[in-house]
């Protein structure tokens, strides 16, 4: 009956479903059955306190000040001094819960609104030893897919040139992840493009740009295309007779 209780408190099927970890349609169906009398009355059980409640403010304050870097092991002596008498395991759970809540409140993303012709996003995928080069114009969602046998720099630049030729125009920025074939090195978390890529970009008059490290959301538009290419475009191995040109 947690779903019914949550719905009665929040007044929203979607909010109750999110809080209980179910689909909003399931939440609506359960509430409707309860209203029709086919489900028992909800039991209003009083919430039980936790032995970490006395140090909840302390945990949140330390997590906020250290931006989520404090550990439960370092917090335990301070929690003991503040009156916490529970186990280290319970404290670890409480710290993990507070960190997750703090991360959700701190991690805000503004939607990316691309401009026409400004960004071309590229990425490599792989399916059954077949390499898949994908490119998407961020604004128009124009998609370009080619198959290859390797992801070397020469292959990447050749397919990127083919993509630009097919587009009939050059984007202002080509955005990629930190693929090793296009970068020379990384200094202070800033990617330095490979000289060959710099010459290529200068020839076509676009600016090379790279995604942030460990941030797949920054190139989600092309990640979706890679997934589609893997599931819908890759023909089973007997269909092409291992001829990449036939596949392209």
C-alpha atoms as a PDB file:
ATOM      1  CA  UNK A   1       0.000   0.000   0.000  1.00  0.00           C
ATOM      2  CA  UNK A   2       2.994   2.328  -0.163  1.00  0.00           C
ATOM      3  CA  UNK A   3       1.868   3.537  -3.609  1.00  0.00           C
ATOM      4  CA  UNK A   4      -1.585   4.513  -2.331  1.00  0.00           C
ATOM      5  CA  UNK A   5      -0.131   6.235   0.726  1.00  0.00           C
ATOM      6  CA  UNK A   6       2.356   8.123  -1.416  1.00  0.00           C
ATOM      7  CA  UNK A   7      -0.354   9.159  -3.869  1.00  0.00           C
ATOM      8  CA  UNK A   8      -2.586  10.408  -1.044  1.00  0.00           C
ATOM      9  CA  UNK A   9       0.303  12.495   0.232  1.00  0.00           C
ATOM     10  CA  UNK A  10       1.517  13.892  -3.111  1.00  0.00           C
ATOM     11  CA  UNK A  11      -1.656  13.883  -5.200  1.00  0.00           C
ATOM     12  CA  UNK A  12       0.177  12.908  -8.394  1.00  0.00           C
ATOM     13  CA  UNK A  13       0.439   9.519 -10.100  1.00  0.00           C
ATOM     14  CA  UNK A  14       3.812  10.340 -11.647  1.00  0.00           C
ATOM     15  CA  UNK A  15       5.270  11.693  -8.415  1.00  0.00           C
ATOM     16  CA  UNK A  16       4.081   8.653  -6.478  1.00  0.00           C
ATOM     17  CA  UNK A  17       5.425   6.310  -9.166  1.00  0.00           C
ATOM     18  CA  UNK A  18       8.842   8.009  -9.194  1.00  0.00           C
ATOM     19  CA  UNK A  19       9.099   7.803  -5.423  1.00  0.00           C
ATOM     20  CA  UNK A  20       8.041   4.130  -5.303  1.00  0.00           C
ATOM     21  CA  UNK A  21      10.097   3.074  -8.324  1.00  0.00           C
ATOM     22  CA  UNK A  22       7.215   1.933 -10.553  1.00  0.00           C
ATOM     23  CA  UNK A  23       5.604   3.055 -13.796  1.00  0.00           C
ATOM     24  CA  UNK A  24       3.057   5.854 -13.482  1.00  0.00           C
ATOM     25  CA  UNK A  25       0.458   3.706 -15.266  1.00  0.00           C
ATOM     26  CA  UNK A  26       0.887   0.981 -12.658  1.00  0.00           C
ATOM     27  CA  UNK A  27       0.521   3.550  -9.883  1.00  0.00           C
ATOM     28  CA  UNK A  28      -2.687   4.874 -11.442  1.00  0.00           C
ATOM     29  CA  UNK A  29      -4.092   1.363 -11.823  1.00  0.00           C
ATOM     30  CA  UNK A  30      -3.388   0.495  -8.178  1.00  0.00           C
ATOM     31  CA  UNK A  31      -4.963   3.728  -6.910  1.00  0.00           C
ATOM     32  CA  UNK A  32      -8.051   3.181  -9.078  1.00  0.00           C
ATOM     33  CA  UNK A  33      -8.408  -0.371  -7.735  1.00  0.00           C
ATOM     34  CA  UNK A  34      -8.141   0.981  -4.202  1.00  0.00           C
ATOM     35  CA  UNK A  35     -10.850   3.561  -4.903  1.00  0.00           C
ATOM     36  CA  UNK A  36     -13.056   0.842  -6.378  1.00  0.00           C
ATOM     37  CA  UNK A  37     -12.708  -1.174  -3.182  1.00  0.00           C
ATOM     38  CA  UNK A  38     -10.761  -4.084  -4.660  1.00  0.00           C
ATOM     39  CA  UNK A  39      -7.664  -3.193  -2.650  1.00  0.00           C
ATOM     40  CA  UNK A  40      -7.595  -2.954   1.139  1.00  0.00           C
ATOM     41  CA  UNK A  41      -7.436   0.372   2.919  1.00  0.00           C
ATOM     42  CA  UNK A  42      -3.898   1.749   3.209  1.00  0.00           C
ATOM     43  CA  UNK A  43      -2.239   1.291   6.551  1.00  0.00           C
ATOM     44  CA  UNK A  44      -0.872   4.498   7.968  1.00  0.00           C
ATOM     45  CA  UNK A  45       2.243   3.136   9.666  1.00  0.00           C
ATOM     46  CA  UNK A  46       4.245   5.681  11.644  1.00  0.00           C
ATOM     47  CA  UNK A  47       7.711   6.322  10.323  1.00  0.00           C
ATOM     48  CA  UNK A  48      10.458   4.887  12.477  1.00  0.00           C
ATOM     49  CA  UNK A  49      13.474   6.980  13.282  1.00  0.00           C
ATOM     50  CA  UNK A  50      17.010   5.947  12.383  1.00  0.00           C
ATOM     51  CA  UNK A  51      19.977   6.039  14.685  1.00  0.00           C
ATOM     52  CA  UNK A  52      21.742   8.305  12.165  1.00  0.00           C
ATOM     53  CA  UNK A  53      19.084  11.027  12.427  1.00  0.00           C
ATOM     54  CA  UNK A  54      21.011  12.771  15.203  1.00  0.00           C
ATOM     55  CA  UNK A  55      23.983  13.384  12.879  1.00  0.00           C
ATOM     56  CA  UNK A  56      22.067  13.992   9.638  1.00  0.00           C
ATOM     57  CA  UNK A  57      22.852  17.724   9.702  1.00  0.00           C
ATOM     58  CA  UNK A  58      26.508  17.041  10.460  1.00  0.00           C
ATOM     59  CA  UNK A  59      26.782  14.613   7.532  1.00  0.00           C
ATOM     60  CA  UNK A  60      25.108  17.001   5.105  1.00  0.00           C
ATOM     61  CA  UNK A  61      27.274  19.907   6.233  1.00  0.00           C
ATOM     62  CA  UNK A  62      30.493  17.929   5.741  1.00  0.00           C
ATOM     63  CA  UNK A  63      29.359  16.548   2.371  1.00  0.00           C
ATOM     64  CA  UNK A  64      28.475  20.043   1.171  1.00  0.00           C
ATOM     65  CA  UNK A  65      31.728  21.618   2.370  1.00  0.00           C
ATOM     66  CA  UNK A  66      33.887  18.876   0.806  1.00  0.00           C
ATOM     67  CA  UNK A  67      31.706  18.668  -2.324  1.00  0.00           C
ATOM     68  CA  UNK A  68      30.999  14.996  -1.747  1.00  0.00           C
ATOM     69  CA  UNK A  69      34.591  13.916  -1.078  1.00  0.00           C
ATOM     70  CA  UNK A  70      34.313  13.175   2.643  1.00  0.00           C
ATOM     71  CA  UNK A  71      34.187   9.482   3.586  1.00  0.00           C
ATOM     72  CA  UNK A  72      32.202   7.772   6.318  1.00  0.00           C
ATOM     73  CA  UNK A  73      35.447   6.555   7.875  1.00  0.00           C
ATOM     74  CA  UNK A  74      36.656  10.134   8.352  1.00  0.00           C
ATOM     75  CA  UNK A  75      33.253  11.207   9.646  1.00  0.00           C
ATOM     76  CA  UNK A  76      32.878   8.459  12.236  1.00  0.00           C
ATOM     77  CA  UNK A  77      34.934  10.130  15.040  1.00  0.00           C
ATOM     78  CA  UNK A  78      33.029  13.392  14.592  1.00  0.00           C
ATOM     79  CA  UNK A  79      29.727  11.510  14.551  1.00  0.00           C
ATOM     80  CA  UNK A  80      30.672   9.713  17.780  1.00  0.00           C
ATOM     81  CA  UNK A  81      31.495  13.044  19.388  1.00  0.00           C
ATOM     82  CA  UNK A  82      28.096  14.345  18.278  1.00  0.00           C
ATOM     83  CA  UNK A  83      26.295  11.479  20.024  1.00  0.00           C
ATOM     84  CA  UNK A  84      26.039   8.813  17.326  1.00  0.00           C
ATOM     85  CA  UNK A  85      26.015   5.331  18.877  1.00  0.00           C
ATOM     86  CA  UNK A  86      25.252   3.191  15.832  1.00  0.00           C
ATOM     87  CA  UNK A  87      27.511   1.017  13.706  1.00  0.00           C
ATOM     88  CA  UNK A  88      30.005   2.157  11.090  1.00  0.00           C
ATOM     89  CA  UNK A  89      27.935   0.320   8.486  1.00  0.00           C
ATOM     90  CA  UNK A  90      24.831   2.387   9.207  1.00  0.00           C
ATOM     91  CA  UNK A  91      26.896   5.546   9.012  1.00  0.00           C
ATOM     92  CA  UNK A  92      28.267   4.497   5.608  1.00  0.00           C
ATOM     93  CA  UNK A  93      24.716   4.031   4.364  1.00  0.00           C
ATOM     94  CA  UNK A  94      23.670   7.427   5.697  1.00  0.00           C
ATOM     95  CA  UNK A  95      26.680   9.148   4.118  1.00  0.00           C
ATOM     96  CA  UNK A  96      26.018   7.438   0.770  1.00  0.00           C
ATOM     97  CA  UNK A  97      22.375   8.551   0.880  1.00  0.00           C
ATOM     98  CA  UNK A  98      23.304  12.154   1.694  1.00  0.00           C
ATOM     99  CA  UNK A  99      25.948  12.184  -1.054  1.00  0.00           C
ATOM    100  CA  UNK A 100      23.405  10.970  -3.603  1.00  0.00           C
ATOM    101  CA  UNK A 101      20.907  13.623  -2.511  1.00  0.00           C
ATOM    102  CA  UNK A 102      23.589  16.323  -2.632  1.00  0.00           C
ATOM    103  CA  UNK A 103      24.726  15.218  -6.101  1.00  0.00           C
ATOM    104  CA  UNK A 104      21.173  15.430  -7.453  1.00  0.00           C
ATOM    105  CA  UNK A 105      20.758  18.941  -6.079  1.00  0.00           C
ATOM    106  CA  UNK A 106      24.130  20.118  -7.411  1.00  0.00           C
ATOM    107  CA  UNK A 107      24.136  18.479 -10.847  1.00  0.00           C
ATOM    108  CA  UNK A 108      22.105  20.742 -13.089  1.00  0.00           C
ATOM    109  CA  UNK A 109      22.305  20.551 -16.868  1.00  0.00           C
ATOM    110  CA  UNK A 110      21.060  23.245 -19.158  1.00  0.00           C
ATOM    111  CA  UNK A 111      19.604  21.889 -22.395  1.00  0.00           C
ATOM    112  CA  UNK A 112      21.871  22.328 -25.381  1.00  0.00           C
ATOM    113  CA  UNK A 113      20.246  24.462 -28.070  1.00  0.00           C
ATOM    114  CA  UNK A 114      22.433  24.066 -31.191  1.00  0.00           C
ATOM    115  CA  UNK A 115      22.533  26.567 -34.024  1.00  0.00           C
ATOM    116  CA  UNK A 116      22.062  25.601 -37.687  1.00  0.00           C
ATOM    117  CA  UNK A 117      25.298  24.416 -39.277  1.00  0.00           C
ATOM    118  CA  UNK A 118      27.381  25.005 -36.169  1.00  0.00           C
ATOM    119  CA  UNK A 119      28.152  21.562 -34.703  1.00  0.00           C
ATOM    120  CA  UNK A 120      28.910  18.239 -36.351  1.00  0.00           C
ATOM    121  CA  UNK A 121      29.244  15.495 -33.713  1.00  0.00           C
ATOM    122  CA  UNK A 122      31.267  12.379 -34.590  1.00  0.00           C
ATOM    123  CA  UNK A 123      31.936   9.076 -32.850  1.00  0.00           C
ATOM    124  CA  UNK A 124      33.069   5.500 -33.461  1.00  0.00           C
ATOM    125  CA  UNK A 125      31.096   2.383 -32.577  1.00  0.00           C
ATOM    126  CA  UNK A 126      31.923  -1.299 -32.869  1.00  0.00           C
ATOM    127  CA  UNK A 127      29.766  -4.347 -33.486  1.00  0.00           C
ATOM    128  CA  UNK A 128      31.190  -7.828 -34.007  1.00  0.00           C
ATOM    129  CA  UNK A 129      34.647  -6.498 -35.030  1.00  0.00           C
ATOM    130  CA  UNK A 130      32.999  -4.114 -37.512  1.00  0.00           C
ATOM    131  CA  UNK A 131      33.870  -0.449 -36.935  1.00  0.00           C
ATOM    132  CA  UNK A 132      31.062   2.093 -37.410  1.00  0.00           C
ATOM    133  CA  UNK A 133      31.780   5.788 -38.055  1.00  0.00           C
ATOM    134  CA  UNK A 134      28.808   7.998 -37.160  1.00  0.00           C
ATOM    135  CA  UNK A 135      28.275  11.727 -37.590  1.00  0.00           C
ATOM    136  CA  UNK A 136      25.256  13.912 -36.812  1.00  0.00           C
ATOM    137  CA  UNK A 137      24.527  17.559 -37.520  1.00  0.00           C
ATOM    138  CA  UNK A 138      23.327  18.665 -34.089  1.00  0.00           C
ATOM    139  CA  UNK A 139      20.624  21.076 -35.284  1.00  0.00           C
ATOM    140  CA  UNK A 140      19.106  19.335 -38.313  1.00  0.00           C
ATOM    141  CA  UNK A 141      19.871  15.769 -37.093  1.00  0.00           C
ATOM    142  CA  UNK A 142      21.264  14.901 -40.536  1.00  0.00           C
ATOM    143  CA  UNK A 143      22.983  11.540 -40.054  1.00  0.00           C
ATOM    144  CA  UNK A 144      26.005   9.982 -41.747  1.00  0.00           C
ATOM    145  CA  UNK A 145      27.121   6.373 -41.189  1.00  0.00           C
ATOM    146  CA  UNK A 146      30.002   4.452 -42.749  1.00  0.00           C
ATOM    147  CA  UNK A 147      31.533   1.068 -41.962  1.00  0.00           C
ATOM    148  CA  UNK A 148      35.269   0.435 -41.725  1.00  0.00           C
ATOM    149  CA  UNK A 149      37.775  -2.175 -40.608  1.00  0.00           C
ATOM    150  CA  UNK A 150      39.793   0.100 -38.298  1.00  0.00           C
ATOM    151  CA  UNK A 151      39.618   3.397 -36.407  1.00  0.00           C
ATOM    152  CA  UNK A 152      43.004   4.787 -37.395  1.00  0.00           C
ATOM    153  CA  UNK A 153      43.556   8.501 -37.848  1.00  0.00           C
ATOM    154  CA  UNK A 154      43.756   8.195 -41.629  1.00  0.00           C
ATOM    155  CA  UNK A 155      40.448   6.310 -41.743  1.00  0.00           C
ATOM    156  CA  UNK A 156      38.738   8.787 -39.418  1.00  0.00           C
ATOM    157  CA  UNK A 157      39.864  11.822 -41.415  1.00  0.00           C
ATOM    158  CA  UNK A 158      38.963  10.149 -44.719  1.00  0.00           C
ATOM    159  CA  UNK A 159      35.425   9.405 -43.548  1.00  0.00           C
ATOM    160  CA  UNK A 160      35.081  12.865 -42.007  1.00  0.00           C
ATOM    161  CA  UNK A 161      36.092  14.384 -45.352  1.00  0.00           C
ATOM    162  CA  UNK A 162      33.539  12.156 -47.094  1.00  0.00           C
ATOM    163  CA  UNK A 163      30.879  13.326 -44.632  1.00  0.00           C
ATOM    164  CA  UNK A 164      31.688  16.998 -45.264  1.00  0.00           C
ATOM    165  CA  UNK A 165      31.595  16.375 -49.012  1.00  0.00           C
ATOM    166  CA  UNK A 166      28.170  14.741 -48.710  1.00  0.00           C
ATOM    167  CA  UNK A 167      26.883  17.635 -46.597  1.00  0.00           C
ATOM    168  CA  UNK A 168      28.024  20.122 -49.227  1.00  0.00           C
ATOM    169  CA  UNK A 169      29.123  22.539 -46.511  1.00  0.00           C
ATOM    170  CA  UNK A 170      31.540  22.733 -43.590  1.00  0.00           C
ATOM    171  CA  UNK A 171      30.277  23.005 -39.987  1.00  0.00           C
ATOM    172  CA  UNK A 172      31.819  25.582 -37.688  1.00  0.00           C
ATOM    173  CA  UNK A 173      32.796  22.991 -35.060  1.00  0.00           C
ATOM    174  CA  UNK A 174      33.459  19.250 -35.191  1.00  0.00           C
ATOM    175  CA  UNK A 175      32.830  17.769 -31.742  1.00  0.00           C
ATOM    176  CA  UNK A 176      34.207  14.344 -30.834  1.00  0.00           C
ATOM    177  CA  UNK A 177      35.056  12.390 -27.726  1.00  0.00           C
ATOM    178  CA  UNK A 178      38.678  12.099 -26.672  1.00  0.00           C
ATOM    179  CA  UNK A 179      39.484   9.448 -29.278  1.00  0.00           C
ATOM    180  CA  UNK A 180      43.176   8.620 -29.355  1.00  0.00           C
ATOM    181  CA  UNK A 181      43.482   8.908 -33.127  1.00  0.00           C
ATOM    182  CA  UNK A 182      42.652  12.638 -33.065  1.00  0.00           C
ATOM    183  CA  UNK A 183      44.482  13.845 -29.970  1.00  0.00           C
ATOM    184  CA  UNK A 184      48.184  14.373 -29.401  1.00  0.00           C
ATOM    185  CA  UNK A 185      48.058  14.670 -25.613  1.00  0.00           C
ATOM    186  CA  UNK A 186      45.996  15.957 -22.698  1.00  0.00           C
ATOM    187  CA  UNK A 187      47.365  18.817 -20.597  1.00  0.00           C
ATOM    188  CA  UNK A 188      45.504  19.945 -17.456  1.00  0.00           C
ATOM    189  CA  UNK A 189      42.403  18.099 -18.691  1.00  0.00           C
ATOM    190  CA  UNK A 190      42.537  20.005 -21.996  1.00  0.00           C
ATOM    191  CA  UNK A 191      42.915  17.936 -25.166  1.00  0.00           C
ATOM    192  CA  UNK A 192      45.639  18.990 -27.604  1.00  0.00           C
ATOM    193  CA  UNK A 193      44.636  17.914 -31.134  1.00  0.00           C
ATOM    194  CA  UNK A 194      47.050  15.875 -33.236  1.00  0.00           C
ATOM    195  CA  UNK A 195      48.981  17.968 -35.795  1.00  0.00           C
ATOM    196  CA  UNK A 196      47.441  15.974 -38.669  1.00  0.00           C
ATOM    197  CA  UNK A 197      43.972  16.776 -37.342  1.00  0.00           C
ATOM    198  CA  UNK A 198      44.898  20.447 -36.957  1.00  0.00           C
ATOM    199  CA  UNK A 199      46.067  20.596 -40.589  1.00  0.00           C
ATOM    200  CA  UNK A 200      42.893  18.809 -41.686  1.00  0.00           C
ATOM    201  CA  UNK A 201      40.695  21.248 -39.731  1.00  0.00           C
ATOM    202  CA  UNK A 202      42.622  24.233 -41.102  1.00  0.00           C
ATOM    203  CA  UNK A 203      42.158  22.950 -44.647  1.00  0.00           C
ATOM    204  CA  UNK A 204      38.382  22.676 -44.201  1.00  0.00           C
ATOM    205  CA  UNK A 205      38.139  25.769 -41.955  1.00  0.00           C
ATOM    206  CA  UNK A 206      36.411  24.253 -38.926  1.00  0.00           C
ATOM    207  CA  UNK A 207      37.357  24.253 -35.236  1.00  0.00           C
ATOM    208  CA  UNK A 208      38.055  20.857 -33.628  1.00  0.00           C
ATOM    209  CA  UNK A 209      36.513  20.412 -30.193  1.00  0.00           C
ATOM    210  CA  UNK A 210      36.471  17.552 -27.692  1.00  0.00           C
ATOM    211  CA  UNK A 211      33.952  16.405 -25.075  1.00  0.00           C
ATOM    212  CA  UNK A 212      34.648  16.510 -21.372  1.00  0.00           C
ATOM    213  CA  UNK A 213      36.178  13.376 -19.892  1.00  0.00           C
ATOM    214  CA  UNK A 214      33.710  10.716 -18.684  1.00  0.00           C
ATOM    215  CA  UNK A 215      30.740  12.768 -19.868  1.00  0.00           C
ATOM    216  CA  UNK A 216      28.704  10.743 -22.397  1.00  0.00           C
ATOM    217  CA  UNK A 217      25.781  13.178 -22.141  1.00  0.00           C
ATOM    218  CA  UNK A 218      27.789  15.822 -24.003  1.00  0.00           C
ATOM    219  CA  UNK A 219      27.607  13.725 -27.174  1.00  0.00           C
ATOM    220  CA  UNK A 220      24.336  11.887 -26.615  1.00  0.00           C
ATOM    221  CA  UNK A 221      23.027  12.948 -30.022  1.00  0.00           C
ATOM    222  CA  UNK A 222      25.605  10.775 -31.776  1.00  0.00           C
ATOM    223  CA  UNK A 223      25.563   8.031 -29.128  1.00  0.00           C
ATOM    224  CA  UNK A 224      21.937   7.414 -30.082  1.00  0.00           C
ATOM    225  CA  UNK A 225      22.948   7.068 -33.741  1.00  0.00           C
ATOM    226  CA  UNK A 226      25.704   4.605 -32.830  1.00  0.00           C
ATOM    227  CA  UNK A 227      23.184   2.474 -30.961  1.00  0.00           C
ATOM    228  CA  UNK A 228      20.768   2.596 -33.900  1.00  0.00           C
ATOM    229  CA  UNK A 229      23.523   1.651 -36.348  1.00  0.00           C
ATOM    230  CA  UNK A 230      24.498  -1.340 -34.228  1.00  0.00           C
ATOM    231  CA  UNK A 231      20.971  -2.658 -33.817  1.00  0.00           C
ATOM    232  CA  UNK A 232      19.399  -1.811 -37.182  1.00  0.00           C
ATOM    233  CA  UNK A 233      22.081  -1.208 -39.826  1.00  0.00           C
ATOM    234  CA  UNK A 234      24.617  -3.958 -39.218  1.00  0.00           C
ATOM    235  CA  UNK A 235      23.635  -6.866 -41.462  1.00  0.00           C
ATOM    236  CA  UNK A 236      24.573 -10.364 -40.218  1.00  0.00           C
ATOM    237  CA  UNK A 237      28.034 -11.384 -41.305  1.00  0.00           C
ATOM    238  CA  UNK A 238      26.912 -13.596 -44.219  1.00  0.00           C
ATOM    239  CA  UNK A 239      25.101 -10.771 -45.978  1.00  0.00           C
ATOM    240  CA  UNK A 240      28.051  -8.689 -47.196  1.00  0.00           C
ATOM    241  CA  UNK A 241      30.612 -11.421 -47.766  1.00  0.00           C
ATOM    242  CA  UNK A 242      32.953  -9.297 -45.614  1.00  0.00           C
ATOM    243  CA  UNK A 243      32.893  -6.512 -48.221  1.00  0.00           C
ATOM    244  CA  UNK A 244      32.797  -3.127 -46.466  1.00  0.00           C
ATOM    245  CA  UNK A 245      32.101  -1.290 -49.732  1.00  0.00           C
ATOM    246  CA  UNK A 246      28.920  -3.308 -50.208  1.00  0.00           C
ATOM    247  CA  UNK A 247      27.798  -2.380 -46.707  1.00  0.00           C
ATOM    248  CA  UNK A 248      28.468   1.304 -47.300  1.00  0.00           C
END
